[in-house]
């Protein structure tokens, strides 16, 4: 147990930060799941919309102590790759059979 005033204050700050960070991480995870669900449906418009929302959440988490800036950027980049792969797949589409 902390005895000094500064140590007690640090304990209070840590618990407050922990709950805030946990909440933000949970929001990011939920948003990523929504994006991946839109990807699995194959709907490009919905996936783009979810990607924007996910990118926004990741950027916010990256600017705070919740997540490192480069970690957020890496996650965002990987999600963008998945979105671009879906777009490429949609652009190619089914090939007509030649006689």
PDB file of N, CA and C in Angstrom:
ATOM      1  N   UNK A   1       0.843  -1.186   0.000  1.00  0.00           N
ATOM      2  CA  UNK A   1       0.000   0.000   0.000  1.00  0.00           C
ATOM      3  C   UNK A   1       0.882   1.241   0.000  1.00  0.00           C
ATOM      4  N   UNK A   2       0.471   2.220  -0.789  1.00  0.00           N
ATOM      5  CA  UNK A   2       1.239   3.463  -0.872  1.00  0.00           C
ATOM      6  C   UNK A   2       1.061   4.277   0.412  1.00  0.00           C
ATOM      7  N   UNK A   3       2.166   4.889   0.851  1.00  0.00           N
ATOM      8  CA  UNK A   3       2.104   5.675   2.079  1.00  0.00           C
ATOM      9  C   UNK A   3       2.185   7.172   1.816  1.00  0.00           C
ATOM     10  N   UNK A   4       3.044   7.564   0.895  1.00  0.00           N
ATOM     11  CA  UNK A   4       3.197   9.004   0.654  1.00  0.00           C
ATOM     12  C   UNK A   4       2.047   9.532  -0.187  1.00  0.00           C
ATOM     13  N   UNK A   5       1.804  10.829  -0.103  1.00  0.00           N
ATOM     14  CA  UNK A   5       0.717  11.458  -0.848  1.00  0.00           C
ATOM     15  C   UNK A   5       0.914  11.303  -2.350  1.00  0.00           C
ATOM     16  N   UNK A   6       2.154  11.482  -2.790  1.00  0.00           N
ATOM     17  CA  UNK A   6       2.421  11.387  -4.228  1.00  0.00           C
ATOM     18  C   UNK A   6       2.192   9.972  -4.741  1.00  0.00           C
ATOM     19  N   UNK A   7       2.526   8.969  -3.933  1.00  0.00           N
ATOM     20  CA  UNK A   7       2.310   7.581  -4.331  1.00  0.00           C
ATOM     21  C   UNK A   7       0.818   7.262  -4.377  1.00  0.00           C
ATOM     22  N   UNK A   8       0.061   7.814  -3.433  1.00  0.00           N
ATOM     23  CA  UNK A   8      -1.399   7.605  -3.439  1.00  0.00           C
ATOM     24  C   UNK A   8      -2.025   8.246  -4.668  1.00  0.00           C
ATOM     25  N   UNK A   9      -1.551   9.434  -4.994  1.00  0.00           N
ATOM     26  CA  UNK A   9      -2.062  10.132  -6.180  1.00  0.00           C
ATOM     27  C   UNK A   9      -1.728   9.334  -7.439  1.00  0.00           C
ATOM     28  N   UNK A  10      -0.511   8.793  -7.492  1.00  0.00           N
ATOM     29  CA  UNK A  10      -0.090   7.999  -8.652  1.00  0.00           C
ATOM     30  C   UNK A  10      -0.987   6.773  -8.808  1.00  0.00           C
ATOM     31  N   UNK A  11      -1.375   6.138  -7.716  1.00  0.00           N
ATOM     32  CA  UNK A  11      -2.272   4.986  -7.765  1.00  0.00           C
ATOM     33  C   UNK A  11      -3.624   5.395  -8.354  1.00  0.00           C
ATOM     34  N   UNK A  12      -4.141   6.551  -7.895  1.00  0.00           N
ATOM     35  CA  UNK A  12      -5.414   7.048  -8.427  1.00  0.00           C
ATOM     36  C   UNK A  12      -5.308   7.334  -9.918  1.00  0.00           C
ATOM     37  N   UNK A  13      -4.219   7.970 -10.333  1.00  0.00           N
ATOM     38  CA  UNK A  13      -4.033   8.296 -11.747  1.00  0.00           C
ATOM     39  C   UNK A  13      -3.946   7.027 -12.591  1.00  0.00           C
ATOM     40  N   UNK A  14      -3.215   6.045 -12.085  1.00  0.00           N
ATOM     41  CA  UNK A  14      -3.037   4.804 -12.830  1.00  0.00           C
ATOM     42  C   UNK A  14      -4.358   4.075 -13.048  1.00  0.00           C
ATOM     43  N   UNK A  15      -5.205   4.044 -12.019  1.00  0.00           N
ATOM     44  CA  UNK A  15      -6.489   3.358 -12.176  1.00  0.00           C
ATOM     45  C   UNK A  15      -7.375   4.095 -13.177  1.00  0.00           C
ATOM     46  N   UNK A  16      -7.331   5.433 -13.135  1.00  0.00           N
ATOM     47  CA  UNK A  16      -8.109   6.225 -14.083  1.00  0.00           C
ATOM     48  C   UNK A  16      -7.631   5.983 -15.514  1.00  0.00           C
ATOM     49  N   UNK A  17      -6.306   5.995 -15.703  1.00  0.00           N
ATOM     50  CA  UNK A  17      -5.723   5.764 -17.031  1.00  0.00           C
ATOM     51  C   UNK A  17      -6.049   4.361 -17.546  1.00  0.00           C
ATOM     52  N   UNK A  18      -5.971   3.391 -16.634  1.00  0.00           N
ATOM     53  CA  UNK A  18      -6.217   2.003 -17.015  1.00  0.00           C
ATOM     54  C   UNK A  18      -7.623   1.835 -17.592  1.00  0.00           C
ATOM     55  N   UNK A  19      -8.612   2.413 -16.917  1.00  0.00           N
ATOM     56  CA  UNK A  19      -9.988   2.280 -17.402  1.00  0.00           C
ATOM     57  C   UNK A  19     -10.176   3.013 -18.731  1.00  0.00           C
ATOM     58  N   UNK A  20      -9.560   4.178 -18.864  1.00  0.00           N
ATOM     59  CA  UNK A  20      -9.667   4.947 -20.105  1.00  0.00           C
ATOM     60  C   UNK A  20      -9.015   4.197 -21.262  1.00  0.00           C
ATOM     61  N   UNK A  21      -7.800   3.678 -21.020  1.00  0.00           N
ATOM     62  CA  UNK A  21      -7.087   2.950 -22.070  1.00  0.00           C
ATOM     63  C   UNK A  21      -7.813   1.680 -22.465  1.00  0.00           C
ATOM     64  N   UNK A  22      -8.366   0.977 -21.474  1.00  0.00           N
ATOM     65  CA  UNK A  22      -9.098  -0.257 -21.763  1.00  0.00           C
ATOM     66  C   UNK A  22     -10.324   0.043 -22.625  1.00  0.00           C
ATOM     67  N   UNK A  23     -11.013   1.123 -22.302  1.00  0.00           N
ATOM     68  CA  UNK A  23     -12.184   1.526 -23.065  1.00  0.00           C
ATOM     69  C   UNK A  23     -11.814   1.864 -24.508  1.00  0.00           C
ATOM     70  N   UNK A  24     -10.749   2.633 -24.671  1.00  0.00           N
ATOM     71  CA  UNK A  24     -10.328   3.017 -26.025  1.00  0.00           C
ATOM     72  C   UNK A  24      -9.886   1.811 -26.840  1.00  0.00           C
ATOM     73  N   UNK A  25      -9.125   0.898 -26.214  1.00  0.00           N
ATOM     74  CA  UNK A  25      -8.689  -0.313 -26.922  1.00  0.00           C
ATOM     75  C   UNK A  25      -9.881  -1.151 -27.337  1.00  0.00           C
ATOM     76  N   UNK A  26     -10.874  -1.233 -26.484  1.00  0.00           N
ATOM     77  CA  UNK A  26     -12.083  -1.992 -26.782  1.00  0.00           C
ATOM     78  C   UNK A  26     -12.829  -1.374 -27.962  1.00  0.00           C
ATOM     79  N   UNK A  27     -12.916  -0.047 -27.986  1.00  0.00           N
ATOM     80  CA  UNK A  27     -13.577   0.640 -29.097  1.00  0.00           C
ATOM     81  C   UNK A  27     -12.854   0.380 -30.416  1.00  0.00           C
ATOM     82  N   UNK A  28     -11.532   0.386 -30.373  1.00  0.00           N
ATOM     83  CA  UNK A  28     -10.750   0.119 -31.585  1.00  0.00           C
ATOM     84  C   UNK A  28     -11.008  -1.303 -32.070  1.00  0.00           C
ATOM     85  N   UNK A  29     -10.982  -2.262 -31.143  1.00  0.00           N
ATOM     86  CA  UNK A  29     -11.201  -3.660 -31.513  1.00  0.00           C
ATOM     87  C   UNK A  29     -12.588  -3.861 -32.119  1.00  0.00           C
ATOM     88  N   UNK A  30     -13.587  -3.234 -31.516  1.00  0.00           N
ATOM     89  CA  UNK A  30     -14.954  -3.348 -32.024  1.00  0.00           C
ATOM     90  C   UNK A  30     -15.048  -2.773 -33.431  1.00  0.00           C
ATOM     91  N   UNK A  31     -14.421  -1.631 -33.648  1.00  0.00           N
ATOM     92  CA  UNK A  31     -14.468  -0.987 -34.956  1.00  0.00           C
ATOM     93  C   UNK A  31     -13.754  -1.838 -36.003  1.00  0.00           C
ATOM     94  N   UNK A  32     -12.648  -2.466 -35.624  1.00  0.00           N
ATOM     95  CA  UNK A  32     -11.925  -3.340 -36.551  1.00  0.00           C
ATOM     96  C   UNK A  32     -12.800  -4.534 -36.921  1.00  0.00           C
ATOM     97  N   UNK A  33     -13.522  -5.079 -35.944  1.00  0.00           N
ATOM     98  CA  UNK A  33     -14.419  -6.204 -36.224  1.00  0.00           C
ATOM     99  C   UNK A  33     -15.521  -5.804 -37.197  1.00  0.00           C
ATOM    100  N   UNK A  34     -16.053  -4.603 -37.023  1.00  0.00           N
ATOM    101  CA  UNK A  34     -17.087  -4.111 -37.947  1.00  0.00           C
ATOM    102  C   UNK A  34     -16.529  -3.983 -39.355  1.00  0.00           C
ATOM    103  N   UNK A  35     -15.299  -3.474 -39.456  1.00  0.00           N
ATOM    104  CA  UNK A  35     -14.657  -3.326 -40.763  1.00  0.00           C
ATOM    105  C   UNK A  35     -14.451  -4.683 -41.415  1.00  0.00           C
ATOM    106  N   UNK A  36     -13.953  -5.657 -40.639  1.00  0.00           N
ATOM    107  CA  UNK A  36     -13.701  -6.982 -41.202  1.00  0.00           C
ATOM    108  C   UNK A  36     -15.006  -7.691 -41.582  1.00  0.00           C
ATOM    109  N   UNK A  37     -16.079  -7.402 -40.867  1.00  0.00           N
ATOM    110  CA  UNK A  37     -17.384  -7.959 -41.233  1.00  0.00           C
ATOM    111  C   UNK A  37     -17.842  -7.388 -42.570  1.00  0.00           C
ATOM    112  N   UNK A  38     -17.615  -6.085 -42.764  1.00  0.00           N
ATOM    113  CA  UNK A  38     -17.969  -5.450 -44.041  1.00  0.00           C
ATOM    114  C   UNK A  38     -17.117  -6.020 -45.177  1.00  0.00           C
ATOM    115  N   UNK A  39     -15.862  -6.328 -44.882  1.00  0.00           N
ATOM    116  CA  UNK A  39     -14.989  -6.933 -45.896  1.00  0.00           C
ATOM    117  C   UNK A  39     -15.497  -8.318 -46.282  1.00  0.00           C
ATOM    118  N   UNK A  40     -15.881  -9.110 -45.292  1.00  0.00           N
ATOM    119  CA  UNK A  40     -16.332 -10.474 -45.576  1.00  0.00           C
ATOM    120  C   UNK A  40     -17.642 -10.492 -46.362  1.00  0.00           C
ATOM    121  N   UNK A  41     -18.452  -9.442 -46.185  1.00  0.00           N
ATOM    122  CA  UNK A  41     -19.676  -9.337 -46.983  1.00  0.00           C
ATOM    123  C   UNK A  41     -19.351  -9.027 -48.435  1.00  0.00           C
ATOM    124  N   UNK A  42     -18.225  -8.376 -48.663  1.00  0.00           N
ATOM    125  CA  UNK A  42     -17.824  -8.039 -50.023  1.00  0.00           C
ATOM    126  C   UNK A  42     -18.383  -6.711 -50.502  1.00  0.00           C
ATOM    127  N   UNK A  43     -18.955  -5.940 -49.592  1.00  0.00           N
ATOM    128  CA  UNK A  43     -19.525  -4.651 -49.951  1.00  0.00           C
ATOM    129  C   UNK A  43     -18.446  -3.572 -49.830  1.00  0.00           C
ATOM    130  N   UNK A  44     -17.997  -3.034 -50.975  1.00  0.00           N
ATOM    131  CA  UNK A  44     -16.891  -2.073 -50.976  1.00  0.00           C
ATOM    132  C   UNK A  44     -17.302  -0.758 -50.324  1.00  0.00           C
ATOM    133  N   UNK A  45     -18.503  -0.283 -50.601  1.00  0.00           N
ATOM    134  CA  UNK A  45     -18.944   1.009 -50.065  1.00  0.00           C
ATOM    135  C   UNK A  45     -19.005   0.974 -48.536  1.00  0.00           C
ATOM    136  N   UNK A  46     -19.596  -0.077 -48.004  1.00  0.00           N
ATOM    137  CA  UNK A  46     -19.680  -0.209 -46.547  1.00  0.00           C
ATOM    138  C   UNK A  46     -18.285  -0.378 -45.939  1.00  0.00           C
ATOM    139  N   UNK A  47     -17.438  -1.151 -46.613  1.00  0.00           N
ATOM    140  CA  UNK A  47     -16.083  -1.378 -46.115  1.00  0.00           C
ATOM    141  C   UNK A  47     -15.295  -0.074 -46.082  1.00  0.00           C
ATOM    142  N   UNK A  48     -15.453   0.762 -47.101  1.00  0.00           N
ATOM    143  CA  UNK A  48     -14.755   2.056 -47.126  1.00  0.00           C
ATOM    144  C   UNK A  48     -15.225   2.947 -45.974  1.00  0.00           C
ATOM    145  N   UNK A  49     -16.524   2.948 -45.749  1.00  0.00           N
ATOM    146  CA  UNK A  49     -17.097   3.748 -44.660  1.00  0.00           C
ATOM    147  C   UNK A  49     -16.557   3.269 -43.306  1.00  0.00           C
ATOM    148  N   UNK A  50     -16.528   1.955 -43.120  1.00  0.00           N
ATOM    149  CA  UNK A  50     -16.020   1.386 -41.868  1.00  0.00           C
ATOM    150  C   UNK A  50     -14.514   1.630 -41.726  1.00  0.00           C
ATOM    151  N   UNK A  51     -13.798   1.622 -42.856  1.00  0.00           N
ATOM    152  CA  UNK A  51     -12.353   1.882 -42.808  1.00  0.00           C
ATOM    153  C   UNK A  51     -12.082   3.306 -42.331  1.00  0.00           C
ATOM    154  N   UNK A  52     -12.869   4.254 -42.801  1.00  0.00           N
ATOM    155  CA  UNK A  52     -12.706   5.644 -42.361  1.00  0.00           C
ATOM    156  C   UNK A  52     -12.929   5.756 -40.857  1.00  0.00           C
ATOM    157  N   UNK A  53     -13.977   5.103 -40.379  1.00  0.00           N
ATOM    158  CA  UNK A  53     -14.289   5.142 -38.946  1.00  0.00           C
ATOM    159  C   UNK A  53     -13.189   4.447 -38.140  1.00  0.00           C
ATOM    160  N   UNK A  54     -12.695   3.335 -38.657  1.00  0.00           N
ATOM    161  CA  UNK A  54     -11.634   2.601 -37.968  1.00  0.00           C
ATOM    162  C   UNK A  54     -10.349   3.421 -37.936  1.00  0.00           C
ATOM    163  N   UNK A  55     -10.028   4.048 -39.045  1.00  0.00           N
ATOM    164  CA  UNK A  55      -8.834   4.894 -39.102  1.00  0.00           C
ATOM    165  C   UNK A  55      -8.905   6.031 -38.114  1.00  0.00           C
ATOM    166  N   UNK A  56     -10.083   6.595 -37.975  1.00  0.00           N
ATOM    167  CA  UNK A  56     -10.274   7.696 -37.028  1.00  0.00           C
ATOM    168  C   UNK A  56     -10.036   7.219 -35.592  1.00  0.00           C
ATOM    169  N   UNK A  57     -10.596   6.046 -35.252  1.00  0.00           N
ATOM    170  CA  UNK A  57     -10.414   5.493 -33.903  1.00  0.00           C
ATOM    171  C   UNK A  57      -8.939   5.177 -33.646  1.00  0.00           C
ATOM    172  N   UNK A  58      -8.275   4.594 -34.652  1.00  0.00           N
ATOM    173  CA  UNK A  58      -6.864   4.256 -34.487  1.00  0.00           C
ATOM    174  C   UNK A  58      -6.008   5.506 -34.313  1.00  0.00           C
ATOM    175  N   UNK A  59      -6.312   6.544 -35.075  1.00  0.00           N
ATOM    176  CA  UNK A  59      -5.553   7.789 -34.955  1.00  0.00           C
ATOM    177  C   UNK A  59      -5.726   8.404 -33.574  1.00  0.00           C
ATOM    178  N   UNK A  60      -6.954   8.367 -33.071  1.00  0.00           N
ATOM    179  CA  UNK A  60      -7.204   8.920 -31.739  1.00  0.00           C
ATOM    180  C   UNK A  60      -6.466   8.119 -30.673  1.00  0.00           C
ATOM    181  N   UNK A  61      -6.477   6.798 -30.817  1.00  0.00           N
ATOM    182  CA  UNK A  61      -5.772   5.956 -29.849  1.00  0.00           C
ATOM    183  C   UNK A  61      -4.265   6.167 -29.964  1.00  0.00           C
ATOM    184  N   UNK A  62      -3.774   6.430 -31.172  1.00  0.00           N
ATOM    185  CA  UNK A  62      -2.349   6.633 -31.388  1.00  0.00           C
ATOM    186  C   UNK A  62      -1.836   7.951 -30.843  1.00  0.00           C
ATOM    187  N   UNK A  63      -2.698   8.945 -30.740  1.00  0.00           N
ATOM    188  CA  UNK A  63      -2.248  10.238 -30.223  1.00  0.00           C
ATOM    189  C   UNK A  63      -2.188  10.253 -28.699  1.00  0.00           C
ATOM    190  N   UNK A  64      -2.868   9.309 -28.072  1.00  0.00           N
ATOM    191  CA  UNK A  64      -2.864   9.241 -26.612  1.00  0.00           C
ATOM    192  C   UNK A  64      -1.876   8.166 -26.159  1.00  0.00           C
ATOM    193  N   UNK A  65      -1.854   7.906 -24.885  1.00  0.00           N
ATOM    194  CA  UNK A  65      -0.954   6.880 -24.354  1.00  0.00           C
ATOM    195  C   UNK A  65      -1.548   5.479 -24.502  1.00  0.00           C
ATOM    196  N   UNK A  66      -2.699   5.377 -25.123  1.00  0.00           N
ATOM    197  CA  UNK A  66      -3.355   4.081 -25.277  1.00  0.00           C
ATOM    198  C   UNK A  66      -2.552   3.153 -26.171  1.00  0.00           C
ATOM    199  N   UNK A  67      -2.053   3.700 -27.266  1.00  0.00           N
ATOM    200  CA  UNK A  67      -1.364   2.901 -28.263  1.00  0.00           C
ATOM    201  C   UNK A  67      -0.260   3.767 -28.867  1.00  0.00           C
ATOM    202  N   UNK A  68       0.846   3.150 -29.209  1.00  0.00           N
ATOM    203  CA  UNK A  68       1.923   3.913 -29.830  1.00  0.00           C
ATOM    204  C   UNK A  68       1.496   4.367 -31.227  1.00  0.00           C
ATOM    205  N   UNK A  69       2.005   5.504 -31.637  1.00  0.00           N
ATOM    206  CA  UNK A  69       1.644   6.097 -32.920  1.00  0.00           C
ATOM    207  C   UNK A  69       1.951   5.151 -34.080  1.00  0.00           C
ATOM    208  N   UNK A  70       3.099   4.503 -34.027  1.00  0.00           N
ATOM    209  CA  UNK A  70       3.488   3.613 -35.129  1.00  0.00           C
ATOM    210  C   UNK A  70       2.688   2.320 -35.126  1.00  0.00           C
ATOM    211  N   UNK A  71       2.247   1.875 -33.962  1.00  0.00           N
ATOM    212  CA  UNK A  71       1.389   0.689 -33.884  1.00  0.00           C
ATOM    213  C   UNK A  71       0.061   0.980 -34.565  1.00  0.00           C
ATOM    214  N   UNK A  72      -0.492   2.150 -34.285  1.00  0.00           N
ATOM    215  CA  UNK A  72      -1.759   2.547 -34.915  1.00  0.00           C
ATOM    216  C   UNK A  72      -1.589   2.653 -36.420  1.00  0.00           C
ATOM    217  N   UNK A  73      -0.483   3.232 -36.867  1.00  0.00           N
ATOM    218  CA  UNK A  73      -0.219   3.385 -38.296  1.00  0.00           C
ATOM    219  C   UNK A  73      -0.080   2.021 -38.968  1.00  0.00           C
ATOM    220  N   UNK A  74       0.593   1.092 -38.297  1.00  0.00           N
ATOM    221  CA  UNK A  74       0.785  -0.251 -38.856  1.00  0.00           C
ATOM    222  C   UNK A  74      -0.548  -0.971 -39.004  1.00  0.00           C
ATOM    223  N   UNK A  75      -1.394  -0.878 -37.978  1.00  0.00           N
ATOM    224  CA  UNK A  75      -2.710  -1.523 -38.041  1.00  0.00           C
ATOM    225  C   UNK A  75      -3.550  -0.920 -39.170  1.00  0.00           C
ATOM    226  N   UNK A  76      -3.494   0.394 -39.274  1.00  0.00           N
ATOM    227  CA  UNK A  76      -4.245   1.100 -40.310  1.00  0.00           C
ATOM    228  C   UNK A  76      -3.770   0.681 -41.704  1.00  0.00           C
ATOM    229  N   UNK A  77      -2.473   0.535 -41.862  1.00  0.00           N
ATOM    230  CA  UNK A  77      -1.894   0.137 -43.134  1.00  0.00           C
ATOM    231  C   UNK A  77      -2.344  -1.266 -43.527  1.00  0.00           C
ATOM    232  N   UNK A  78      -2.351  -2.164 -42.561  1.00  0.00           N
ATOM    233  CA  UNK A  78      -2.759  -3.541 -42.850  1.00  0.00           C
ATOM    234  C   UNK A  78      -4.227  -3.619 -43.230  1.00  0.00           C
ATOM    235  N   UNK A  79      -5.057  -2.799 -42.583  1.00  0.00           N
ATOM    236  CA  UNK A  79      -6.476  -2.772 -42.933  1.00  0.00           C
ATOM    237  C   UNK A  79      -6.671  -2.173 -44.323  1.00  0.00           C
ATOM    238  N   UNK A  80      -5.864  -1.163 -44.668  1.00  0.00           N
ATOM    239  CA  UNK A  80      -5.950  -0.549 -45.998  1.00  0.00           C
ATOM    240  C   UNK A  80      -5.575  -1.561 -47.074  1.00  0.00           C
ATOM    241  N   UNK A  81      -4.589  -2.414 -46.784  1.00  0.00           N
ATOM    242  CA  UNK A  81      -4.199  -3.465 -47.725  1.00  0.00           C
ATOM    243  C   UNK A  81      -5.366  -4.398 -48.007  1.00  0.00           C
ATOM    244  N   UNK A  82      -6.071  -4.766 -46.936  1.00  0.00           N
ATOM    245  CA  UNK A  82      -7.224  -5.661 -47.097  1.00  0.00           C
ATOM    246  C   UNK A  82      -8.313  -5.004 -47.933  1.00  0.00           C
ATOM    247  N   UNK A  83      -8.544  -3.715 -47.682  1.00  0.00           N
ATOM    248  CA  UNK A  83      -9.560  -2.984 -48.442  1.00  0.00           C
ATOM    249  C   UNK A  83      -9.167  -2.896 -49.912  1.00  0.00           C
ATOM    250  N   UNK A  84      -7.901  -2.606 -50.190  1.00  0.00           N
ATOM    251  CA  UNK A  84      -7.433  -2.509 -51.573  1.00  0.00           C
ATOM    252  C   UNK A  84      -7.514  -3.854 -52.283  1.00  0.00           C
ATOM    253  N   UNK A  85      -7.280  -4.934 -51.559  1.00  0.00           N
ATOM    254  CA  UNK A  85      -7.406  -6.273 -52.150  1.00  0.00           C
ATOM    255  C   UNK A  85      -8.850  -6.547 -52.537  1.00  0.00           C
ATOM    256  N   UNK A  86      -9.782  -6.127 -51.689  1.00  0.00           N
ATOM    257  CA  UNK A  86     -11.203  -6.305 -51.998  1.00  0.00           C
ATOM    258  C   UNK A  86     -11.585  -5.482 -53.224  1.00  0.00           C
ATOM    259  N   UNK A  87     -11.092  -4.247 -53.286  1.00  0.00           N
ATOM    260  CA  UNK A  87     -11.381  -3.390 -54.442  1.00  0.00           C
ATOM    261  C   UNK A  87     -10.844  -4.002 -55.726  1.00  0.00           C
ATOM    262  N   UNK A  88      -9.629  -4.548 -55.667  1.00  0.00           N
ATOM    263  CA  UNK A  88      -9.029  -5.172 -56.846  1.00  0.00           C
ATOM    264  C   UNK A  88      -9.833  -6.395 -57.279  1.00  0.00           C
ATOM    265  N   UNK A  89     -10.283  -7.146 -56.308  1.00  0.00           N
ATOM    266  CA  UNK A  89     -11.079  -8.344 -56.592  1.00  0.00           C
ATOM    267  C   UNK A  89     -12.407  -7.946 -57.244  1.00  0.00           C
ATOM    268  N   UNK A  90     -13.019  -6.872 -56.752  1.00  0.00           N
ATOM    269  CA  UNK A  90     -14.277  -6.388 -57.319  1.00  0.00           C
ATOM    270  C   UNK A  90     -14.068  -5.839 -58.726  1.00  0.00           C
ATOM    271  N   UNK A  91     -12.940  -5.181 -58.952  1.00  0.00           N
ATOM    272  CA  UNK A  91     -12.657  -4.580 -60.265  1.00  0.00           C
ATOM    273  C   UNK A  91     -12.471  -5.651 -61.323  1.00  0.00           C
ATOM    274  N   UNK A  92     -11.793  -6.737 -60.966  1.00  0.00           N
ATOM    275  CA  UNK A  92     -11.564  -7.824 -61.918  1.00  0.00           C
ATOM    276  C   UNK A  92     -12.875  -8.529 -62.204  1.00  0.00           C
ATOM    277  N   UNK A  93     -13.580  -8.887 -61.172  1.00  0.00           N
ATOM    278  CA  UNK A  93     -14.885  -9.535 -61.307  1.00  0.00           C
ATOM    279  C   UNK A  93     -14.774 -10.889 -61.969  1.00  0.00           C
ATOM    280  N   UNK A  94     -15.913 -11.528 -62.221  1.00  0.00           N
ATOM    281  CA  UNK A  94     -15.887 -12.839 -62.886  1.00  0.00           C
ATOM    282  C   UNK A  94     -15.543 -12.677 -64.367  1.00  0.00           C
ATOM    283  N   UNK A  95     -14.686 -13.540 -64.855  1.00  0.00           N
ATOM    284  CA  UNK A  95     -14.264 -13.510 -66.252  1.00  0.00           C
ATOM    285  C   UNK A  95     -15.279 -14.271 -67.105  1.00  0.00           C
ATOM    286  N   UNK A  96     -15.684 -13.692 -68.257  1.00  0.00           N
ATOM    287  CA  UNK A  96     -16.600 -14.423 -69.145  1.00  0.00           C
ATOM    288  C   UNK A  96     -15.851 -15.586 -69.814  1.00  0.00           C
ATOM    289  N   UNK A  97     -16.578 -16.688 -69.986  1.00  0.00           N
ATOM    290  CA  UNK A  97     -15.954 -17.864 -70.601  1.00  0.00           C
ATOM    291  C   UNK A  97     -15.860 -17.670 -72.110  1.00  0.00           C
ATOM    292  N   UNK A  98     -14.721 -18.086 -72.679  1.00  0.00           N
ATOM    293  CA  UNK A  98     -14.503 -17.945 -74.111  1.00  0.00           C
ATOM    294  C   UNK A  98     -14.832 -19.268 -74.789  1.00  0.00           C
ATOM    295  N   UNK A  99     -15.443 -19.163 -75.980  1.00  0.00           N
ATOM    296  CA  UNK A  99     -15.862 -20.360 -76.685  1.00  0.00           C
ATOM    297  C   UNK A  99     -14.782 -20.922 -77.562  1.00  0.00           C
TER     298      UNK A  99
END
